[in-house]
Amino acid sequence: KRYASCKNAVQSGYFPGGKYRYTKTFQINESDIGKNIRLHFGGVYRNAVVSVNGEAVKEHKYGYSPFTADLTEKITGGKNTVEVLADNSLVPNCRWYSGSGIYRPVYLEISKKDAPTFLKIKTVGISPAVIEVDTDDGAQVQVFDAEGNLAASGQKGRFEINGAHLWSAETPYLYTCKVSRGGEELTEKFGIRTLEWSGKTGLLVNGKETLLRG
């Protein structure tokens, strides 16, 4: 509820901060014990503490980035309870209305022990087009173009993409990276592009000046 004497004032649209507690009880099959069980959060504002069955498993102070809580060692077959605490009581702490508590999707992931757990892709260069893929050791990496053609494959590391289509605002071409291990896979779409900015050149996308409107 908004009120005129709110400490955040106009910086948060006169919404106060506070402390928030969320609980969720759910069932886990006995057959899933021993697998990786993770809870993924899109965003919690802020100072989040995640507990499962009364034991803290993850703290995440920053309110704008996603994070993952690994429940594997604390979960049991049958009934389990997850609690999330968010503390946004130290106000003001932002120049705009940030919201409070869980404000983005949350989902539970259950996967095999040797399944891939993460995937990161970055552009190293555009002439030639080189990307760097970071993932779990032993995972098989495949890169596909927008038409589904295989553009590169191998283990984690650097890959040169022949005849690459660069991403830009005018032509937002996306590739798909797939990593496989233990019969399971992770996929991520990405664009090949470089970004640079400075007070002298402004924003450069793929080395070209790009004007932002709005």
N, C-alpha and C. Protein backbone atom coordinates (compact mmCIF):
# COMPACT_ATOMS: atom_id res chain seq x y z
N LYS A 1 0.84 -1.19 0.00
CA LYS A 1 0.00 0.00 0.00
C LYS A 1 0.88 1.24 0.00
N ARG A 2 0.55 2.22 -0.82
CA ARG A 2 1.31 3.46 -0.88
C ARG A 2 0.89 4.40 0.25
N TYR A 3 1.85 5.20 0.69
CA TYR A 3 1.48 6.27 1.61
C TYR A 3 2.51 7.39 1.50
N ALA A 4 2.06 8.62 1.75
CA ALA A 4 2.85 9.82 1.46
C ALA A 4 4.13 9.91 2.27
N SER A 5 4.15 9.36 3.49
CA SER A 5 5.33 9.46 4.34
C SER A 5 6.31 8.31 4.16
N CYS A 6 6.10 7.49 3.13
CA CYS A 6 6.98 6.36 2.85
C CYS A 6 8.42 6.84 2.69
N LYS A 7 9.39 6.16 3.34
CA LYS A 7 10.79 6.57 3.29
C LYS A 7 11.33 6.57 1.86
N ASN A 8 10.84 5.66 1.04
CA ASN A 8 11.32 5.60 -0.34
C ASN A 8 10.84 6.76 -1.18
N ALA A 9 9.73 7.34 -0.78
CA ALA A 9 9.13 8.49 -1.47
C ALA A 9 9.00 8.21 -2.97
N VAL A 10 9.30 9.24 -3.78
CA VAL A 10 9.09 9.13 -5.22
C VAL A 10 9.99 8.08 -5.84
N GLN A 11 11.12 7.75 -5.19
CA GLN A 11 12.06 6.79 -5.75
C GLN A 11 11.44 5.41 -5.94
N SER A 12 10.42 5.10 -5.17
CA SER A 12 9.79 3.78 -5.30
C SER A 12 8.29 3.89 -5.51
N GLY A 13 7.84 5.04 -5.98
CA GLY A 13 6.41 5.21 -6.20
C GLY A 13 5.63 5.22 -4.91
N TYR A 14 6.30 5.57 -3.79
CA TYR A 14 5.69 5.64 -2.45
C TYR A 14 5.26 4.27 -1.92
N PHE A 15 5.85 3.21 -2.46
CA PHE A 15 5.64 1.88 -1.88
C PHE A 15 6.70 1.65 -0.80
N PRO A 16 6.33 1.15 0.36
CA PRO A 16 7.31 0.89 1.41
C PRO A 16 8.07 -0.41 1.14
N GLY A 17 9.21 -0.56 1.80
CA GLY A 17 9.91 -1.84 1.78
C GLY A 17 9.35 -2.74 2.87
N GLY A 18 10.03 -3.85 3.14
CA GLY A 18 9.54 -4.75 4.17
C GLY A 18 10.26 -6.08 4.14
N LYS A 19 9.82 -7.00 4.99
CA LYS A 19 10.34 -8.35 5.03
C LYS A 19 9.24 -9.31 4.60
N TYR A 20 9.63 -10.34 3.84
CA TYR A 20 8.64 -11.22 3.23
C TYR A 20 9.05 -12.68 3.44
N ARG A 21 8.06 -13.53 3.64
CA ARG A 21 8.30 -14.96 3.87
C ARG A 21 7.36 -15.76 2.97
N TYR A 22 7.95 -16.68 2.21
CA TYR A 22 7.18 -17.55 1.33
C TYR A 22 7.46 -19.01 1.72
N THR A 23 6.44 -19.84 1.72
CA THR A 23 6.64 -21.26 1.98
C THR A 23 5.89 -22.09 0.93
N LYS A 24 6.46 -23.23 0.61
CA LYS A 24 5.85 -24.15 -0.35
C LYS A 24 6.15 -25.57 0.07
N THR A 25 5.12 -26.39 0.23
CA THR A 25 5.29 -27.80 0.56
C THR A 25 4.96 -28.64 -0.66
N PHE A 26 5.80 -29.62 -0.95
CA PHE A 26 5.62 -30.43 -2.15
C PHE A 26 6.17 -31.83 -1.91
N GLN A 27 5.82 -32.74 -2.80
CA GLN A 27 6.23 -34.14 -2.70
C GLN A 27 7.37 -34.44 -3.67
N ILE A 28 8.34 -35.23 -3.20
CA ILE A 28 9.42 -35.73 -4.05
C ILE A 28 9.35 -37.25 -4.06
N ASN A 29 9.34 -37.84 -5.25
CA ASN A 29 9.31 -39.29 -5.36
C ASN A 29 10.61 -39.91 -4.84
N GLU A 30 10.50 -41.06 -4.21
CA GLU A 30 11.69 -41.76 -3.72
C GLU A 30 12.66 -42.05 -4.86
N SER A 31 12.13 -42.28 -6.05
CA SER A 31 12.98 -42.60 -7.21
C SER A 31 13.84 -41.41 -7.65
N ASP A 32 13.49 -40.20 -7.18
CA ASP A 32 14.26 -39.01 -7.56
C ASP A 32 15.37 -38.68 -6.56
N ILE A 33 15.39 -39.37 -5.42
CA ILE A 33 16.45 -39.14 -4.44
C ILE A 33 17.77 -39.64 -5.04
N GLY A 34 18.80 -38.82 -4.94
CA GLY A 34 20.09 -39.13 -5.56
C GLY A 34 20.30 -38.39 -6.86
N LYS A 35 19.24 -37.79 -7.40
CA LYS A 35 19.38 -36.96 -8.58
C LYS A 35 19.68 -35.52 -8.17
N ASN A 36 20.07 -34.69 -9.13
CA ASN A 36 20.24 -33.26 -8.86
C ASN A 36 18.86 -32.61 -8.75
N ILE A 37 18.62 -31.92 -7.64
CA ILE A 37 17.34 -31.24 -7.43
C ILE A 37 17.65 -29.78 -7.13
N ARG A 38 17.26 -28.90 -8.04
CA ARG A 38 17.62 -27.49 -7.93
C ARG A 38 16.38 -26.62 -8.10
N LEU A 39 16.40 -25.50 -7.40
CA LEU A 39 15.31 -24.52 -7.48
C LEU A 39 15.88 -23.26 -8.12
N HIS A 40 15.31 -22.86 -9.26
CA HIS A 40 15.81 -21.72 -10.01
C HIS A 40 14.90 -20.50 -9.78
N PHE A 41 15.51 -19.38 -9.43
CA PHE A 41 14.78 -18.14 -9.17
C PHE A 41 15.13 -17.11 -10.24
N GLY A 42 14.10 -16.53 -10.85
CA GLY A 42 14.34 -15.48 -11.84
C GLY A 42 14.71 -14.16 -11.21
N GLY A 43 14.23 -13.88 -10.00
CA GLY A 43 14.56 -12.64 -9.31
C GLY A 43 13.85 -12.54 -7.98
N VAL A 44 14.60 -12.16 -6.94
CA VAL A 44 14.03 -11.92 -5.61
C VAL A 44 14.64 -10.63 -5.08
N TYR A 45 13.79 -9.66 -4.75
CA TYR A 45 14.30 -8.39 -4.23
C TYR A 45 13.98 -8.29 -2.74
N ARG A 46 14.95 -8.35 -1.89
CA ARG A 46 16.35 -8.68 -2.09
C ARG A 46 16.85 -9.39 -0.84
N ASN A 47 18.16 -9.64 -0.69
CA ASN A 47 18.71 -10.34 0.48
C ASN A 47 17.97 -11.65 0.73
N ALA A 48 17.89 -12.47 -0.29
CA ALA A 48 17.12 -13.71 -0.21
C ALA A 48 17.88 -14.79 0.56
N VAL A 49 17.14 -15.56 1.36
CA VAL A 49 17.65 -16.75 2.03
C VAL A 49 16.69 -17.89 1.73
N VAL A 50 17.21 -18.97 1.14
CA VAL A 50 16.39 -20.13 0.78
C VAL A 50 16.72 -21.28 1.72
N SER A 51 15.68 -21.87 2.32
CA SER A 51 15.86 -23.01 3.22
C SER A 51 14.98 -24.15 2.75
N VAL A 52 15.43 -25.38 3.01
CA VAL A 52 14.62 -26.55 2.73
C VAL A 52 14.60 -27.42 3.98
N ASN A 53 13.40 -27.75 4.41
CA ASN A 53 13.20 -28.55 5.63
C ASN A 53 13.95 -27.96 6.82
N GLY A 54 13.92 -26.63 6.91
CA GLY A 54 14.49 -25.93 8.06
C GLY A 54 15.97 -25.64 7.98
N GLU A 55 16.65 -26.00 6.89
CA GLU A 55 18.09 -25.76 6.76
C GLU A 55 18.36 -24.83 5.59
N ALA A 56 19.13 -23.76 5.85
CA ALA A 56 19.46 -22.80 4.80
C ALA A 56 20.39 -23.44 3.78
N VAL A 57 20.09 -23.23 2.50
CA VAL A 57 20.92 -23.80 1.44
C VAL A 57 21.47 -22.74 0.49
N LYS A 58 20.91 -21.51 0.53
CA LYS A 58 21.36 -20.49 -0.42
C LYS A 58 21.03 -19.10 0.10
N GLU A 59 22.02 -18.19 -0.04
CA GLU A 59 21.79 -16.77 0.20
C GLU A 59 22.13 -16.01 -1.08
N HIS A 60 21.32 -15.01 -1.40
CA HIS A 60 21.57 -14.21 -2.60
C HIS A 60 21.13 -12.78 -2.29
N LYS A 61 22.10 -11.89 -2.14
CA LYS A 61 21.79 -10.54 -1.68
C LYS A 61 21.28 -9.64 -2.80
N TYR A 62 21.85 -9.80 -4.01
CA TYR A 62 21.50 -8.88 -5.10
C TYR A 62 20.09 -9.15 -5.59
N GLY A 63 19.34 -8.10 -5.86
CA GLY A 63 17.93 -8.27 -6.19
C GLY A 63 17.58 -8.36 -7.65
N TYR A 64 18.56 -8.17 -8.55
CA TYR A 64 18.23 -8.08 -9.98
C TYR A 64 18.74 -9.24 -10.82
N SER A 65 19.42 -10.19 -10.24
CA SER A 65 19.98 -11.29 -11.03
C SER A 65 19.36 -12.62 -10.64
N PRO A 66 19.24 -13.55 -11.60
CA PRO A 66 18.73 -14.89 -11.29
C PRO A 66 19.74 -15.69 -10.48
N PHE A 67 19.28 -16.70 -9.77
CA PHE A 67 20.18 -17.57 -9.01
C PHE A 67 19.54 -18.93 -8.82
N THR A 68 20.36 -19.89 -8.38
CA THR A 68 19.91 -21.26 -8.22
C THR A 68 20.24 -21.76 -6.82
N ALA A 69 19.28 -22.42 -6.19
CA ALA A 69 19.48 -23.05 -4.89
C ALA A 69 19.54 -24.56 -5.09
N ASP A 70 20.64 -25.18 -4.68
CA ASP A 70 20.80 -26.63 -4.81
C ASP A 70 20.20 -27.30 -3.58
N LEU A 71 19.12 -28.05 -3.78
CA LEU A 71 18.42 -28.71 -2.68
C LEU A 71 18.84 -30.17 -2.51
N THR A 72 19.72 -30.64 -3.37
CA THR A 72 20.00 -32.07 -3.50
C THR A 72 20.30 -32.76 -2.17
N GLU A 73 21.17 -32.17 -1.35
CA GLU A 73 21.63 -32.83 -0.13
C GLU A 73 20.63 -32.73 1.01
N LYS A 74 19.65 -31.85 0.90
CA LYS A 74 18.72 -31.62 2.02
C LYS A 74 17.32 -32.16 1.75
N ILE A 75 17.07 -32.58 0.53
CA ILE A 75 15.73 -33.03 0.17
C ILE A 75 15.53 -34.47 0.63
N THR A 76 14.30 -34.85 0.90
CA THR A 76 13.98 -36.22 1.30
C THR A 76 12.83 -36.75 0.45
N GLY A 77 12.71 -38.06 0.39
CA GLY A 77 11.57 -38.64 -0.30
C GLY A 77 10.29 -38.34 0.46
N GLY A 78 9.24 -37.97 -0.25
CA GLY A 78 7.98 -37.63 0.40
C GLY A 78 7.81 -36.12 0.51
N LYS A 79 7.29 -35.67 1.66
CA LYS A 79 6.95 -34.26 1.83
C LYS A 79 8.18 -33.42 2.17
N ASN A 80 8.32 -32.28 1.50
CA ASN A 80 9.40 -31.33 1.75
C ASN A 80 8.82 -29.92 1.77
N THR A 81 9.46 -29.04 2.55
CA THR A 81 9.01 -27.65 2.63
C THR A 81 10.17 -26.71 2.32
N VAL A 82 9.94 -25.81 1.38
CA VAL A 82 10.92 -24.78 1.04
C VAL A 82 10.41 -23.45 1.58
N GLU A 83 11.32 -22.69 2.18
CA GLU A 83 11.01 -21.36 2.69
C GLU A 83 11.95 -20.35 2.05
N VAL A 84 11.41 -19.23 1.61
CA VAL A 84 12.21 -18.15 1.04
C VAL A 84 11.94 -16.88 1.85
N LEU A 85 13.01 -16.30 2.39
CA LEU A 85 12.92 -15.02 3.09
C LEU A 85 13.53 -13.94 2.22
N ALA A 86 12.86 -12.80 2.12
CA ALA A 86 13.38 -11.65 1.38
C ALA A 86 13.30 -10.44 2.30
N ASP A 87 14.39 -9.67 2.36
CA ASP A 87 14.46 -8.52 3.26
C ASP A 87 14.75 -7.25 2.47
N ASN A 88 13.73 -6.44 2.30
CA ASN A 88 13.86 -5.15 1.63
C ASN A 88 13.47 -4.03 2.59
N SER A 89 13.86 -4.20 3.86
CA SER A 89 13.45 -3.25 4.90
C SER A 89 14.38 -2.05 5.02
N LEU A 90 15.62 -2.17 4.52
CA LEU A 90 16.56 -1.05 4.61
C LEU A 90 16.33 -0.12 3.43
N VAL A 91 15.50 0.87 3.62
CA VAL A 91 15.12 1.77 2.53
C VAL A 91 15.47 3.21 2.91
N PRO A 92 15.69 4.09 1.91
CA PRO A 92 15.66 3.80 0.48
C PRO A 92 16.93 3.10 0.02
N ASN A 93 16.82 2.28 -1.01
CA ASN A 93 17.99 1.58 -1.55
C ASN A 93 17.99 1.54 -3.07
N CYS A 94 17.12 2.32 -3.69
CA CYS A 94 17.02 2.26 -5.15
C CYS A 94 16.49 3.59 -5.67
N ARG A 95 16.80 3.88 -6.94
CA ARG A 95 16.34 5.13 -7.56
C ARG A 95 15.04 4.97 -8.33
N TRP A 96 14.45 3.78 -8.28
CA TRP A 96 13.19 3.53 -8.96
C TRP A 96 12.43 2.47 -8.18
N TYR A 97 11.20 2.19 -8.58
CA TYR A 97 10.43 1.17 -7.87
C TYR A 97 10.95 -0.21 -8.26
N SER A 98 11.57 -0.87 -7.32
CA SER A 98 12.19 -2.18 -7.59
C SER A 98 11.24 -3.33 -7.34
N GLY A 99 10.15 -3.07 -6.63
CA GLY A 99 9.34 -4.18 -6.16
C GLY A 99 9.97 -4.79 -4.93
N SER A 100 9.33 -5.77 -4.35
CA SER A 100 9.87 -6.47 -3.18
C SER A 100 9.47 -7.93 -3.24
N GLY A 101 10.34 -8.79 -2.69
CA GLY A 101 10.04 -10.22 -2.64
C GLY A 101 10.28 -10.90 -3.98
N ILE A 102 9.62 -12.05 -4.18
CA ILE A 102 9.77 -12.83 -5.41
C ILE A 102 8.96 -12.15 -6.52
N TYR A 103 9.63 -11.70 -7.56
CA TYR A 103 8.93 -10.97 -8.61
C TYR A 103 9.12 -11.58 -10.00
N ARG A 104 9.86 -12.68 -10.08
CA ARG A 104 10.02 -13.39 -11.35
C ARG A 104 9.77 -14.88 -11.13
N PRO A 105 9.63 -15.65 -12.23
CA PRO A 105 9.25 -17.06 -12.08
C PRO A 105 10.26 -17.89 -11.28
N VAL A 106 9.74 -18.94 -10.65
CA VAL A 106 10.54 -19.92 -9.91
C VAL A 106 10.17 -21.30 -10.43
N TYR A 107 11.18 -22.15 -10.68
CA TYR A 107 10.84 -23.51 -11.12
C TYR A 107 11.83 -24.52 -10.54
N LEU A 108 11.33 -25.74 -10.36
CA LEU A 108 12.11 -26.84 -9.80
C LEU A 108 12.64 -27.71 -10.94
N GLU A 109 13.93 -28.04 -10.87
CA GLU A 109 14.56 -28.90 -11.88
C GLU A 109 15.08 -30.17 -11.22
N ILE A 110 14.72 -31.31 -11.78
CA ILE A 110 15.24 -32.61 -11.32
C ILE A 110 15.95 -33.25 -12.50
N SER A 111 17.23 -33.57 -12.33
CA SER A 111 18.01 -34.13 -13.43
C SER A 111 18.96 -35.20 -12.91
N LYS A 112 19.49 -36.00 -13.81
CA LYS A 112 20.44 -37.04 -13.44
C LYS A 112 21.72 -36.42 -12.89
N LYS A 113 22.46 -37.20 -12.10
CA LYS A 113 23.67 -36.69 -11.45
C LYS A 113 24.70 -36.18 -12.45
N ASP A 114 24.80 -36.84 -13.60
CA ASP A 114 25.82 -36.43 -14.57
C ASP A 114 25.25 -35.56 -15.68
N ALA A 115 24.05 -35.02 -15.49
CA ALA A 115 23.47 -34.12 -16.48
C ALA A 115 24.23 -32.79 -16.48
N PRO A 116 24.25 -32.07 -17.61
CA PRO A 116 24.90 -30.75 -17.62
C PRO A 116 24.19 -29.79 -16.68
N THR A 117 24.96 -28.96 -16.00
CA THR A 117 24.39 -28.07 -14.99
C THR A 117 24.41 -26.60 -15.38
N PHE A 118 25.26 -26.22 -16.34
CA PHE A 118 25.30 -24.81 -16.72
C PHE A 118 25.82 -24.67 -18.14
N LEU A 119 25.53 -23.52 -18.75
CA LEU A 119 25.95 -23.23 -20.11
C LEU A 119 26.12 -21.73 -20.27
N LYS A 120 27.32 -21.31 -20.65
CA LYS A 120 27.60 -19.89 -20.89
C LYS A 120 28.26 -19.73 -22.25
N ILE A 121 27.80 -18.75 -23.01
CA ILE A 121 28.34 -18.50 -24.34
C ILE A 121 28.71 -17.02 -24.45
N LYS A 122 29.88 -16.74 -24.98
CA LYS A 122 30.25 -15.35 -25.22
C LYS A 122 30.94 -15.22 -26.57
N THR A 123 30.80 -14.04 -27.16
CA THR A 123 31.45 -13.75 -28.43
C THR A 123 32.88 -13.29 -28.16
N VAL A 124 33.85 -13.97 -28.77
CA VAL A 124 35.26 -13.59 -28.63
C VAL A 124 35.64 -12.59 -29.70
N GLY A 125 35.14 -12.79 -30.92
CA GLY A 125 35.44 -11.89 -32.03
C GLY A 125 34.45 -12.10 -33.15
N ILE A 126 34.43 -11.17 -34.10
CA ILE A 126 33.47 -11.28 -35.21
C ILE A 126 34.15 -11.38 -36.57
N SER A 127 35.47 -11.20 -36.63
CA SER A 127 36.17 -11.28 -37.91
C SER A 127 37.53 -11.95 -37.72
N PRO A 128 37.58 -13.29 -37.68
CA PRO A 128 36.47 -14.21 -37.92
C PRO A 128 35.55 -14.31 -36.70
N ALA A 129 34.38 -14.92 -36.91
CA ALA A 129 33.41 -15.09 -35.82
C ALA A 129 33.86 -16.24 -34.93
N VAL A 130 34.17 -15.92 -33.68
CA VAL A 130 34.62 -16.93 -32.72
C VAL A 130 33.80 -16.78 -31.45
N ILE A 131 33.27 -17.90 -30.96
CA ILE A 131 32.55 -17.91 -29.69
C ILE A 131 33.29 -18.80 -28.70
N GLU A 132 33.01 -18.59 -27.43
CA GLU A 132 33.57 -19.44 -26.38
C GLU A 132 32.42 -20.03 -25.58
N VAL A 133 32.42 -21.34 -25.46
CA VAL A 133 31.36 -22.06 -24.74
C VAL A 133 31.96 -22.65 -23.47
N ASP A 134 31.35 -22.33 -22.34
CA ASP A 134 31.77 -22.89 -21.05
C ASP A 134 30.63 -23.74 -20.50
N THR A 135 30.95 -24.97 -20.14
CA THR A 135 29.96 -25.89 -19.60
C THR A 135 30.69 -26.96 -18.78
N ASP A 136 29.98 -27.99 -18.38
CA ASP A 136 30.58 -29.04 -17.56
C ASP A 136 31.61 -29.85 -18.35
N ASP A 137 32.63 -30.33 -17.65
CA ASP A 137 33.61 -31.21 -18.28
C ASP A 137 32.92 -32.44 -18.84
N GLY A 138 33.33 -32.84 -20.03
CA GLY A 138 32.79 -34.05 -20.64
C GLY A 138 31.51 -33.87 -21.41
N ALA A 139 30.93 -32.67 -21.37
CA ALA A 139 29.69 -32.43 -22.10
C ALA A 139 29.98 -32.23 -23.59
N GLN A 140 29.12 -32.76 -24.44
CA GLN A 140 29.24 -32.59 -25.88
C GLN A 140 28.56 -31.29 -26.28
N VAL A 141 29.26 -30.45 -27.04
CA VAL A 141 28.75 -29.15 -27.46
C VAL A 141 28.38 -29.19 -28.94
N GLN A 142 27.19 -28.68 -29.26
CA GLN A 142 26.77 -28.53 -30.65
C GLN A 142 26.17 -27.14 -30.83
N VAL A 143 26.52 -26.50 -31.94
CA VAL A 143 25.99 -25.17 -32.27
C VAL A 143 25.24 -25.28 -33.59
N PHE A 144 23.99 -24.80 -33.59
CA PHE A 144 23.14 -24.86 -34.78
C PHE A 144 22.76 -23.45 -35.22
N ASP A 145 22.66 -23.26 -36.54
CA ASP A 145 22.20 -21.96 -37.02
C ASP A 145 20.68 -21.90 -36.94
N ALA A 146 20.10 -20.79 -37.38
CA ALA A 146 18.66 -20.59 -37.23
C ALA A 146 17.85 -21.57 -38.07
N GLU A 147 18.48 -22.17 -39.09
CA GLU A 147 17.78 -23.13 -39.94
C GLU A 147 17.95 -24.56 -39.44
N GLY A 148 18.70 -24.73 -38.34
CA GLY A 148 18.89 -26.05 -37.77
C GLY A 148 20.11 -26.79 -38.29
N ASN A 149 20.94 -26.12 -39.08
CA ASN A 149 22.16 -26.75 -39.60
C ASN A 149 23.27 -26.70 -38.56
N LEU A 150 24.05 -27.78 -38.47
CA LEU A 150 25.15 -27.84 -37.51
C LEU A 150 26.26 -26.89 -37.95
N ALA A 151 26.61 -25.94 -37.07
CA ALA A 151 27.64 -24.95 -37.39
C ALA A 151 28.97 -25.27 -36.73
N ALA A 152 28.95 -25.99 -35.60
CA ALA A 152 30.18 -26.35 -34.89
C ALA A 152 29.85 -27.41 -33.85
N SER A 153 30.86 -28.19 -33.47
CA SER A 153 30.66 -29.20 -32.43
C SER A 153 31.99 -29.55 -31.79
N GLY A 154 31.92 -30.16 -30.61
CA GLY A 154 33.13 -30.56 -29.90
C GLY A 154 32.94 -30.47 -28.41
N GLN A 155 34.05 -30.30 -27.67
CA GLN A 155 34.02 -30.10 -26.23
C GLN A 155 34.05 -28.61 -25.94
N LYS A 156 33.85 -28.25 -24.67
CA LYS A 156 33.82 -26.83 -24.31
C LYS A 156 35.12 -26.14 -24.73
N GLY A 157 35.01 -24.87 -25.06
CA GLY A 157 36.16 -24.11 -25.53
C GLY A 157 35.73 -23.13 -26.61
N ARG A 158 36.67 -22.80 -27.50
CA ARG A 158 36.40 -21.82 -28.55
C ARG A 158 36.04 -22.51 -29.86
N PHE A 159 35.09 -21.89 -30.57
CA PHE A 159 34.64 -22.41 -31.85
C PHE A 159 34.60 -21.27 -32.87
N GLU A 160 35.13 -21.52 -34.05
CA GLU A 160 35.00 -20.56 -35.15
C GLU A 160 33.77 -20.93 -35.96
N ILE A 161 32.90 -19.94 -36.19
CA ILE A 161 31.66 -20.17 -36.94
C ILE A 161 31.86 -19.63 -38.35
N ASN A 162 31.98 -20.52 -39.31
CA ASN A 162 32.21 -20.11 -40.70
C ASN A 162 30.95 -19.49 -41.29
N GLY A 163 31.14 -18.38 -42.03
CA GLY A 163 30.01 -17.72 -42.67
C GLY A 163 28.96 -17.25 -41.69
N ALA A 164 29.40 -16.78 -40.53
CA ALA A 164 28.47 -16.44 -39.45
C ALA A 164 27.56 -15.27 -39.81
N HIS A 165 26.32 -15.35 -39.33
CA HIS A 165 25.38 -14.23 -39.39
C HIS A 165 25.48 -13.48 -38.07
N LEU A 166 25.86 -12.22 -38.13
CA LEU A 166 26.00 -11.43 -36.92
C LEU A 166 24.65 -10.92 -36.45
N TRP A 167 24.52 -10.80 -35.13
CA TRP A 167 23.30 -10.24 -34.54
C TRP A 167 23.37 -8.72 -34.57
N SER A 168 22.24 -8.08 -34.88
CA SER A 168 22.10 -6.63 -34.74
C SER A 168 20.63 -6.35 -34.49
N ALA A 169 20.31 -5.10 -34.14
CA ALA A 169 18.91 -4.74 -33.91
C ALA A 169 18.10 -4.89 -35.19
N GLU A 170 18.74 -4.64 -36.33
CA GLU A 170 18.03 -4.74 -37.62
C GLU A 170 17.88 -6.19 -38.07
N THR A 171 18.88 -7.02 -37.77
CA THR A 171 18.83 -8.45 -38.14
C THR A 171 19.22 -9.28 -36.91
N PRO A 172 18.27 -9.52 -36.02
CA PRO A 172 18.57 -10.22 -34.75
C PRO A 172 18.69 -11.73 -34.93
N TYR A 173 19.71 -12.16 -35.65
CA TYR A 173 19.91 -13.57 -35.97
C TYR A 173 20.38 -14.33 -34.72
N LEU A 174 19.76 -15.48 -34.46
CA LEU A 174 20.09 -16.26 -33.28
C LEU A 174 20.54 -17.67 -33.64
N TYR A 175 21.60 -18.10 -32.99
CA TYR A 175 22.06 -19.48 -33.04
C TYR A 175 21.55 -20.22 -31.80
N THR A 176 21.64 -21.54 -31.84
CA THR A 176 21.28 -22.37 -30.68
C THR A 176 22.48 -23.22 -30.29
N CYS A 177 22.83 -23.17 -29.01
CA CYS A 177 23.90 -24.02 -28.49
C CYS A 177 23.25 -25.11 -27.63
N LYS A 178 23.64 -26.35 -27.89
CA LYS A 178 23.12 -27.49 -27.12
C LYS A 178 24.29 -28.26 -26.52
N VAL A 179 24.23 -28.51 -25.21
CA VAL A 179 25.25 -29.35 -24.57
C VAL A 179 24.56 -30.58 -24.00
N SER A 180 25.22 -31.74 -24.17
CA SER A 180 24.63 -33.02 -23.77
C SER A 180 25.60 -33.79 -22.90
N ARG A 181 25.05 -34.42 -21.86
CA ARG A 181 25.84 -35.30 -21.00
C ARG A 181 24.88 -36.15 -20.18
N GLY A 182 25.20 -37.43 -20.04
CA GLY A 182 24.37 -38.31 -19.22
C GLY A 182 22.97 -38.50 -19.74
N GLY A 183 22.77 -38.36 -21.05
CA GLY A 183 21.45 -38.55 -21.62
C GLY A 183 20.52 -37.37 -21.46
N GLU A 184 21.03 -36.24 -20.94
CA GLU A 184 20.22 -35.03 -20.80
C GLU A 184 20.95 -33.87 -21.44
N GLU A 185 20.23 -32.78 -21.68
CA GLU A 185 20.83 -31.66 -22.40
C GLU A 185 20.32 -30.32 -21.90
N LEU A 186 21.12 -29.29 -22.20
CA LEU A 186 20.75 -27.90 -21.98
C LEU A 186 20.86 -27.18 -23.31
N THR A 187 19.96 -26.24 -23.57
CA THR A 187 20.04 -25.44 -24.79
C THR A 187 19.93 -23.96 -24.45
N GLU A 188 20.56 -23.15 -25.28
CA GLU A 188 20.52 -21.70 -25.09
C GLU A 188 20.63 -21.03 -26.45
N LYS A 189 19.75 -20.06 -26.70
CA LYS A 189 19.86 -19.27 -27.92
C LYS A 189 20.79 -18.08 -27.67
N PHE A 190 21.54 -17.68 -28.70
CA PHE A 190 22.47 -16.57 -28.53
C PHE A 190 22.73 -15.90 -29.87
N GLY A 191 23.18 -14.66 -29.81
CA GLY A 191 23.58 -13.94 -31.00
C GLY A 191 25.07 -13.69 -30.99
N ILE A 192 25.68 -13.69 -32.16
CA ILE A 192 27.11 -13.39 -32.28
C ILE A 192 27.25 -11.90 -32.54
N ARG A 193 27.77 -11.17 -31.56
CA ARG A 193 27.93 -9.72 -31.70
C ARG A 193 28.88 -9.20 -30.65
N THR A 194 29.47 -8.06 -30.94
CA THR A 194 30.31 -7.37 -29.96
C THR A 194 29.64 -6.06 -29.57
N LEU A 195 29.83 -5.67 -28.32
CA LEU A 195 29.29 -4.42 -27.81
C LEU A 195 30.44 -3.61 -27.21
N GLU A 196 30.50 -2.33 -27.57
CA GLU A 196 31.48 -1.41 -26.99
C GLU A 196 30.79 -0.08 -26.74
N TRP A 197 31.23 0.62 -25.71
CA TRP A 197 30.68 1.95 -25.48
C TRP A 197 31.69 2.80 -24.72
N SER A 198 31.67 4.10 -25.04
CA SER A 198 32.53 5.06 -24.35
C SER A 198 31.95 6.45 -24.56
N GLY A 199 32.48 7.42 -23.82
CA GLY A 199 32.01 8.79 -23.97
C GLY A 199 32.36 9.39 -25.31
N LYS A 200 33.38 8.84 -25.97
CA LYS A 200 33.81 9.39 -27.26
C LYS A 200 33.07 8.76 -28.44
N THR A 201 32.90 7.46 -28.40
CA THR A 201 32.32 6.76 -29.55
C THR A 201 30.85 6.44 -29.39
N GLY A 202 30.34 6.52 -28.15
CA GLY A 202 28.98 6.09 -27.91
C GLY A 202 28.89 4.57 -27.94
N LEU A 203 27.74 4.05 -28.33
CA LEU A 203 27.53 2.60 -28.38
C LEU A 203 27.90 2.07 -29.76
N LEU A 204 28.75 1.04 -29.77
CA LEU A 204 29.13 0.37 -31.01
C LEU A 204 28.65 -1.07 -30.96
N VAL A 205 27.88 -1.48 -31.95
CA VAL A 205 27.46 -2.87 -32.10
C VAL A 205 28.17 -3.43 -33.32
N ASN A 206 28.98 -4.44 -33.10
CA ASN A 206 29.81 -5.01 -34.18
C ASN A 206 30.69 -3.95 -34.83
N GLY A 207 31.16 -3.01 -33.99
CA GLY A 207 32.06 -1.96 -34.47
C GLY A 207 31.39 -0.80 -35.16
N LYS A 208 30.05 -0.81 -35.24
CA LYS A 208 29.32 0.26 -35.92
C LYS A 208 28.54 1.10 -34.92
N GLU A 209 28.55 2.41 -35.13
CA GLU A 209 27.83 3.31 -34.23
C GLU A 209 26.34 2.99 -34.26
N THR A 210 25.76 2.89 -33.08
CA THR A 210 24.34 2.57 -32.96
C THR A 210 23.68 3.58 -32.05
N LEU A 211 22.65 4.24 -32.55
CA LEU A 211 21.94 5.25 -31.77
C LEU A 211 20.75 4.61 -31.07
N LEU A 212 20.59 4.95 -29.79
CA LEU A 212 19.45 4.47 -29.02
C LEU A 212 18.40 5.56 -28.94
N ARG A 213 17.17 5.19 -29.14
CA ARG A 213 16.08 6.16 -29.07
C ARG A 213 15.18 5.82 -27.89
N GLY A 214 14.70 6.87 -27.22
CA GLY A 214 13.80 6.64 -26.12
C GLY A 214 14.42 7.01 -24.79
